[in-house]
Amino acid sequence: MGTLYQYTVPVVLLLLSNVFMTFAWYGHLKYKSTALIAVIFISWGIAFFEYAVQVPANRIGHAVYSLAELKTIQEVITFIVFCFVSVYWMNEAITWKHLLGFSMMAAGAIVVFRA
């Protein structure tokens, strides 16, 4: 049985890594007049920080979570972060269809964590 540290720190680090990755992948869409080569390098720079927290998250988390569980945690966090970025950064609404689709994926996450 793992410690509270081993269960919680990976989730916090995965949350932080997903914030970085979501901005690396989608944040530049708000600045369409910026040269593509510039946003590529900026995105790479942001992705460096994503990896700097994602790798320890998985290293620490694998002591108590299976690989599939780590991936599932990451995906659920991705949906949550994506919704916030979509609404508050890009000013794009989340529709009932998005929520339904994300809910179906969340149901899959529940299946992964069932004993």
Protein backbone atom coordinates (compact mmCIF):
# COMPACT_ATOMS: atom_id res chain seq x y z
CA MET A 1 0.00 0.00 0.00
CA GLY A 2 1.35 3.39 -0.96
CA THR A 3 1.55 6.59 0.96
CA LEU A 4 -0.73 9.58 0.61
CA TYR A 5 2.21 11.31 -1.12
CA GLN A 6 2.38 8.58 -3.78
CA TYR A 7 -1.34 8.84 -4.48
CA THR A 8 -1.77 12.62 -4.49
CA VAL A 9 1.48 14.09 -5.83
CA PRO A 10 1.13 12.38 -9.23
CA VAL A 11 -2.39 13.76 -9.63
CA VAL A 12 -1.25 17.30 -8.76
CA LEU A 13 1.74 17.04 -11.11
CA LEU A 14 -0.43 15.62 -13.90
CA LEU A 15 -2.82 18.53 -13.43
CA LEU A 16 0.05 20.98 -13.77
CA SER A 17 1.50 19.14 -16.77
CA ASN A 18 -1.88 19.21 -18.50
CA VAL A 19 -2.16 22.97 -18.01
CA PHE A 20 1.22 23.38 -19.72
CA MET A 21 0.38 20.92 -22.50
CA THR A 22 -3.03 22.37 -23.22
CA PHE A 23 -1.48 25.81 -23.64
CA ALA A 24 1.35 24.37 -25.74
CA TRP A 25 -1.17 22.69 -28.05
CA TYR A 26 -4.01 25.21 -28.12
CA GLY A 27 -2.96 28.49 -26.50
CA HIS A 28 -1.42 29.82 -29.69
CA LEU A 29 -4.77 29.65 -31.48
CA LYS A 30 -5.64 32.91 -29.78
CA TYR A 31 -2.69 34.56 -31.58
CA LYS A 32 -3.24 33.59 -35.21
CA SER A 33 -1.27 36.57 -36.52
CA THR A 34 1.92 35.30 -34.84
CA ALA A 35 4.24 33.51 -37.25
CA LEU A 36 3.85 29.74 -37.25
CA ILE A 37 7.56 29.13 -36.65
CA ALA A 38 7.41 31.38 -33.58
CA VAL A 39 4.45 29.54 -32.06
CA ILE A 40 6.14 26.20 -32.77
CA PHE A 41 9.18 27.22 -30.74
CA ILE A 42 7.06 28.79 -28.00
CA SER A 43 4.98 25.61 -27.83
CA TRP A 44 8.15 23.50 -27.59
CA GLY A 45 9.31 25.70 -24.73
CA ILE A 46 6.03 25.25 -22.90
CA ALA A 47 6.11 21.51 -23.59
CA PHE A 48 9.51 21.30 -21.91
CA PHE A 49 7.88 22.36 -18.64
CA GLU A 50 5.04 19.90 -19.26
CA TYR A 51 7.53 17.06 -19.49
CA ALA A 52 9.47 18.36 -16.48
CA VAL A 53 6.41 17.68 -14.30
CA GLN A 54 4.80 14.83 -16.24
CA VAL A 55 7.80 12.51 -16.03
CA PRO A 56 8.10 12.73 -12.21
CA ALA A 57 4.31 12.38 -11.95
CA ASN A 58 4.43 9.05 -13.74
CA ARG A 59 7.60 7.91 -11.97
CA ILE A 60 6.12 8.60 -8.53
CA GLY A 61 2.63 7.44 -9.47
CA HIS A 62 3.70 4.12 -10.94
CA ALA A 63 4.53 2.97 -7.41
CA VAL A 64 0.80 2.88 -6.62
CA TYR A 65 -1.03 3.16 -9.96
CA SER A 66 -0.84 0.85 -12.96
CA LEU A 67 0.19 2.33 -16.29
CA ALA A 68 -3.42 2.18 -17.47
CA GLU A 69 -4.58 3.97 -14.33
CA LEU A 70 -1.98 6.72 -14.80
CA LYS A 71 -3.09 7.21 -18.39
CA THR A 72 -6.73 7.31 -17.31
CA ILE A 73 -6.01 9.92 -14.64
CA GLN A 74 -4.15 11.98 -17.22
CA GLU A 75 -7.01 11.81 -19.73
CA VAL A 76 -9.68 12.79 -17.20
CA ILE A 77 -7.53 15.73 -16.09
CA THR A 78 -7.04 16.66 -19.75
CA PHE A 79 -10.80 16.97 -20.26
CA ILE A 80 -11.19 19.15 -17.20
CA VAL A 81 -8.28 21.44 -18.11
CA PHE A 82 -9.43 21.56 -21.74
CA CYS A 83 -12.91 22.70 -20.71
CA PHE A 84 -11.49 25.54 -18.62
CA VAL A 85 -9.12 26.63 -21.39
CA SER A 86 -11.85 26.39 -23.99
CA VAL A 87 -14.28 28.52 -22.00
CA TYR A 88 -12.00 30.97 -20.19
CA TRP A 89 -9.04 31.35 -22.60
CA MET A 90 -10.63 30.77 -26.02
CA ASN A 91 -14.16 31.95 -25.15
CA GLU A 92 -15.66 28.87 -26.77
CA ALA A 93 -18.68 27.23 -25.20
CA ILE A 94 -18.80 23.63 -24.06
CA THR A 95 -22.00 22.15 -25.48
CA TRP A 96 -24.15 19.31 -24.23
CA LYS A 97 -22.59 17.10 -26.94
CA HIS A 98 -19.11 17.81 -25.59
CA LEU A 99 -20.26 17.03 -22.06
CA LEU A 100 -21.98 13.84 -23.20
CA GLY A 101 -18.88 12.66 -25.04
CA PHE A 102 -16.59 13.53 -22.13
CA SER A 103 -19.00 11.77 -19.77
CA MET A 104 -18.82 8.62 -21.88
CA MET A 105 -15.03 8.75 -21.67
CA ALA A 106 -15.27 9.31 -17.93
CA ALA A 107 -17.44 6.21 -17.72
CA GLY A 108 -14.58 4.35 -19.36
CA ALA A 109 -12.27 5.71 -16.66
CA ILE A 110 -14.55 4.25 -14.02
CA VAL A 111 -14.25 0.86 -15.70
CA VAL A 112 -10.43 1.07 -15.60
CA PHE A 113 -10.46 1.74 -11.85
CA ARG A 114 -13.02 -0.93 -10.93
CA ALA A 115 -11.49 -3.86 -9.07
